[in-house]
Amino acid sequence: MAELPLADDPLTDWTARLFNVSRTRYILTCNTQLLYSIVIYARGVNDAHELISGVLRAIADVMQADGLLAAYKQ
């Protein structure tokens, strides 16, 4: 797997990894510099578009719950 360079804006640099727990697949998404992390189910994620849209929805939901929606919108 190729390693990509860091994004210029640390808020836009995220990494995703697939992992299994008892036959259930999950995706761990982590901000590369802040280590702000989110875990989502991998079910239904079959291509890059579904991955990106699912992760963005999850990031928005979690950041809103943490009182950080303004930072997400920025």
N, C-alpha and C. Protein backbone atom coordinates (compact mmCIF):
# COMPACT_ATOMS: atom_id res chain seq x y z
N MET A 1 0.84 -1.17 0.00
CA MET A 1 0.00 0.00 0.00
C MET A 1 0.89 1.24 0.00
N ALA A 2 0.59 2.17 -0.89
CA ALA A 2 1.40 3.39 -1.01
C ALA A 2 1.07 4.36 0.11
N GLU A 3 2.09 5.00 0.60
CA GLU A 3 1.91 6.02 1.63
C GLU A 3 1.83 7.38 0.94
N LEU A 4 0.79 8.14 1.28
CA LEU A 4 0.59 9.45 0.66
C LEU A 4 1.20 10.54 1.54
N PRO A 5 1.59 11.66 0.95
CA PRO A 5 2.11 12.76 1.76
C PRO A 5 1.00 13.39 2.61
N LEU A 6 1.39 14.05 3.70
CA LEU A 6 0.42 14.72 4.56
C LEU A 6 -0.24 15.86 3.80
N ALA A 7 -1.50 16.14 4.11
CA ALA A 7 -2.20 17.26 3.50
C ALA A 7 -1.66 18.56 4.09
N ASP A 8 -1.80 19.64 3.34
CA ASP A 8 -1.34 20.94 3.82
C ASP A 8 -2.12 21.38 5.06
N ASP A 9 -3.42 21.11 5.08
CA ASP A 9 -4.27 21.47 6.22
C ASP A 9 -4.44 20.24 7.11
N PRO A 10 -3.95 20.28 8.36
CA PRO A 10 -4.03 19.09 9.22
C PRO A 10 -5.46 18.64 9.50
N LEU A 11 -6.45 19.52 9.37
CA LEU A 11 -7.84 19.12 9.61
C LEU A 11 -8.40 18.28 8.48
N THR A 12 -7.74 18.28 7.33
CA THR A 12 -8.24 17.51 6.19
C THR A 12 -7.45 16.23 5.94
N ASP A 13 -6.51 15.91 6.81
CA ASP A 13 -5.67 14.74 6.61
C ASP A 13 -6.17 13.59 7.49
N TRP A 14 -6.79 12.59 6.88
CA TRP A 14 -7.38 11.45 7.59
C TRP A 14 -6.86 10.15 7.00
N THR A 15 -6.81 9.13 7.84
CA THR A 15 -6.39 7.79 7.44
C THR A 15 -7.50 6.81 7.82
N ALA A 16 -7.73 5.80 6.98
CA ALA A 16 -8.76 4.80 7.27
C ALA A 16 -8.16 3.41 7.16
N ARG A 17 -8.56 2.54 8.08
CA ARG A 17 -8.11 1.13 8.08
C ARG A 17 -9.30 0.23 8.36
N LEU A 18 -9.38 -0.87 7.64
CA LEU A 18 -10.41 -1.87 7.84
C LEU A 18 -9.93 -2.87 8.88
N PHE A 19 -10.84 -3.27 9.80
CA PHE A 19 -10.50 -4.32 10.76
C PHE A 19 -11.74 -5.14 11.08
N ASN A 20 -11.54 -6.35 11.60
CA ASN A 20 -12.63 -7.27 11.92
C ASN A 20 -12.70 -7.53 13.42
N VAL A 21 -13.94 -7.66 13.91
CA VAL A 21 -14.20 -8.10 15.28
C VAL A 21 -15.32 -9.12 15.18
N SER A 22 -15.02 -10.37 15.51
CA SER A 22 -16.03 -11.44 15.47
C SER A 22 -16.82 -11.44 14.15
N ARG A 23 -16.11 -11.46 13.05
CA ARG A 23 -16.66 -11.51 11.70
C ARG A 23 -17.39 -10.24 11.25
N THR A 24 -17.39 -9.22 12.06
CA THR A 24 -17.99 -7.95 11.67
C THR A 24 -16.87 -7.00 11.27
N ARG A 25 -17.03 -6.38 10.10
CA ARG A 25 -16.00 -5.47 9.60
C ARG A 25 -16.32 -4.04 10.02
N TYR A 26 -15.27 -3.34 10.43
CA TYR A 26 -15.36 -1.94 10.82
C TYR A 26 -14.28 -1.15 10.10
N ILE A 27 -14.47 0.15 10.05
CA ILE A 27 -13.44 1.04 9.49
C ILE A 27 -13.07 2.04 10.58
N LEU A 28 -11.79 2.06 10.92
CA LEU A 28 -11.25 3.04 11.86
C LEU A 28 -10.73 4.20 11.03
N THR A 29 -11.26 5.38 11.29
CA THR A 29 -10.82 6.59 10.60
C THR A 29 -10.21 7.51 11.64
N CYS A 30 -9.02 7.99 11.35
CA CYS A 30 -8.27 8.78 12.32
C CYS A 30 -7.64 9.99 11.65
N ASN A 31 -7.77 11.16 12.29
CA ASN A 31 -7.06 12.33 11.80
C ASN A 31 -5.59 12.08 12.05
N THR A 32 -4.79 12.22 11.01
CA THR A 32 -3.39 11.83 11.06
C THR A 32 -2.59 12.59 12.10
N GLN A 33 -2.86 13.88 12.28
CA GLN A 33 -2.07 14.67 13.23
C GLN A 33 -2.73 14.80 14.60
N LEU A 34 -4.06 14.92 14.64
CA LEU A 34 -4.76 15.13 15.91
C LEU A 34 -5.13 13.83 16.61
N LEU A 35 -5.12 12.72 15.87
CA LEU A 35 -5.52 11.40 16.36
C LEU A 35 -6.99 11.35 16.79
N TYR A 36 -7.80 12.28 16.30
CA TYR A 36 -9.25 12.27 16.51
C TYR A 36 -9.78 11.10 15.70
N SER A 37 -10.46 10.15 16.36
CA SER A 37 -10.78 8.88 15.70
C SER A 37 -12.27 8.58 15.70
N ILE A 38 -12.70 7.86 14.68
CA ILE A 38 -14.09 7.47 14.51
C ILE A 38 -14.10 6.04 13.97
N VAL A 39 -15.03 5.22 14.47
CA VAL A 39 -15.19 3.85 13.98
C VAL A 39 -16.59 3.73 13.39
N ILE A 40 -16.68 3.18 12.17
CA ILE A 40 -17.97 2.95 11.54
C ILE A 40 -18.04 1.50 11.05
N TYR A 41 -19.27 1.00 10.85
CA TYR A 41 -19.44 -0.31 10.25
C TYR A 41 -18.99 -0.24 8.80
N ALA A 42 -18.36 -1.29 8.32
CA ALA A 42 -17.92 -1.34 6.93
C ALA A 42 -19.00 -1.90 6.01
N ARG A 43 -20.07 -2.43 6.58
CA ARG A 43 -21.14 -3.01 5.77
C ARG A 43 -21.72 -1.95 4.83
N GLY A 44 -21.82 -2.28 3.57
CA GLY A 44 -22.35 -1.36 2.59
C GLY A 44 -21.32 -0.44 1.96
N VAL A 45 -20.10 -0.50 2.45
CA VAL A 45 -19.03 0.32 1.87
C VAL A 45 -18.31 -0.53 0.84
N ASN A 46 -18.65 -0.29 -0.44
CA ASN A 46 -18.12 -1.12 -1.52
C ASN A 46 -17.22 -0.39 -2.49
N ASP A 47 -17.16 0.93 -2.37
CA ASP A 47 -16.28 1.68 -3.26
C ASP A 47 -15.83 2.96 -2.57
N ALA A 48 -14.98 3.71 -3.23
CA ALA A 48 -14.40 4.92 -2.63
C ALA A 48 -15.46 5.96 -2.33
N HIS A 49 -16.45 6.10 -3.20
CA HIS A 49 -17.51 7.09 -2.96
C HIS A 49 -18.28 6.78 -1.67
N GLU A 50 -18.65 5.51 -1.48
CA GLU A 50 -19.37 5.12 -0.28
C GLU A 50 -18.50 5.28 0.97
N LEU A 51 -17.22 4.99 0.85
CA LEU A 51 -16.30 5.17 1.97
C LEU A 51 -16.22 6.65 2.36
N ILE A 52 -16.00 7.51 1.38
CA ILE A 52 -15.85 8.94 1.68
C ILE A 52 -17.14 9.52 2.24
N SER A 53 -18.28 9.22 1.64
CA SER A 53 -19.54 9.79 2.13
C SER A 53 -19.89 9.24 3.51
N GLY A 54 -19.66 7.96 3.76
CA GLY A 54 -19.93 7.38 5.07
C GLY A 54 -19.04 7.96 6.16
N VAL A 55 -17.76 8.12 5.84
CA VAL A 55 -16.81 8.68 6.81
C VAL A 55 -17.14 10.14 7.09
N LEU A 56 -17.46 10.92 6.06
CA LEU A 56 -17.80 12.33 6.27
C LEU A 56 -19.05 12.49 7.13
N ARG A 57 -20.06 11.64 6.91
CA ARG A 57 -21.26 11.67 7.76
C ARG A 57 -20.91 11.35 9.20
N ALA A 58 -20.09 10.33 9.40
CA ALA A 58 -19.70 9.92 10.76
C ALA A 58 -18.88 11.00 11.44
N ILE A 59 -17.95 11.60 10.72
CA ILE A 59 -17.14 12.68 11.29
C ILE A 59 -18.05 13.84 11.72
N ALA A 60 -18.99 14.22 10.87
CA ALA A 60 -19.92 15.31 11.20
C ALA A 60 -20.74 14.96 12.44
N ASP A 61 -21.27 13.74 12.51
CA ASP A 61 -22.08 13.32 13.65
C ASP A 61 -21.28 13.34 14.95
N VAL A 62 -20.08 12.79 14.92
CA VAL A 62 -19.26 12.72 16.13
C VAL A 62 -18.78 14.10 16.55
N MET A 63 -18.37 14.90 15.58
CA MET A 63 -17.89 16.25 15.93
C MET A 63 -19.04 17.11 16.46
N GLN A 64 -20.24 16.93 15.93
CA GLN A 64 -21.40 17.65 16.46
C GLN A 64 -21.67 17.22 17.90
N ALA A 65 -21.61 15.93 18.17
CA ALA A 65 -21.83 15.43 19.53
C ALA A 65 -20.76 15.94 20.49
N ASP A 66 -19.56 16.19 19.98
CA ASP A 66 -18.47 16.71 20.81
C ASP A 66 -18.46 18.24 20.87
N GLY A 67 -19.45 18.88 20.25
CA GLY A 67 -19.51 20.35 20.25
C GLY A 67 -18.53 20.99 19.29
N LEU A 68 -18.13 20.26 18.25
CA LEU A 68 -17.12 20.74 17.31
C LEU A 68 -17.66 20.89 15.89
N LEU A 69 -18.96 21.09 15.74
CA LEU A 69 -19.55 21.17 14.41
C LEU A 69 -18.99 22.36 13.62
N ALA A 70 -18.73 23.47 14.28
CA ALA A 70 -18.17 24.64 13.58
C ALA A 70 -16.81 24.29 12.96
N ALA A 71 -15.99 23.53 13.68
CA ALA A 71 -14.69 23.11 13.14
C ALA A 71 -14.88 22.18 11.95
N TYR A 72 -15.87 21.30 12.00
CA TYR A 72 -16.16 20.41 10.87
C TYR A 72 -16.56 21.21 9.64
N LYS A 73 -17.46 22.19 9.83
CA LYS A 73 -17.94 22.98 8.70
C LYS A 73 -16.82 23.81 8.08
N GLN A 74 -15.86 24.22 8.90
CA GLN A 74 -14.73 25.01 8.40
C GLN A 74 -13.92 24.16 7.46
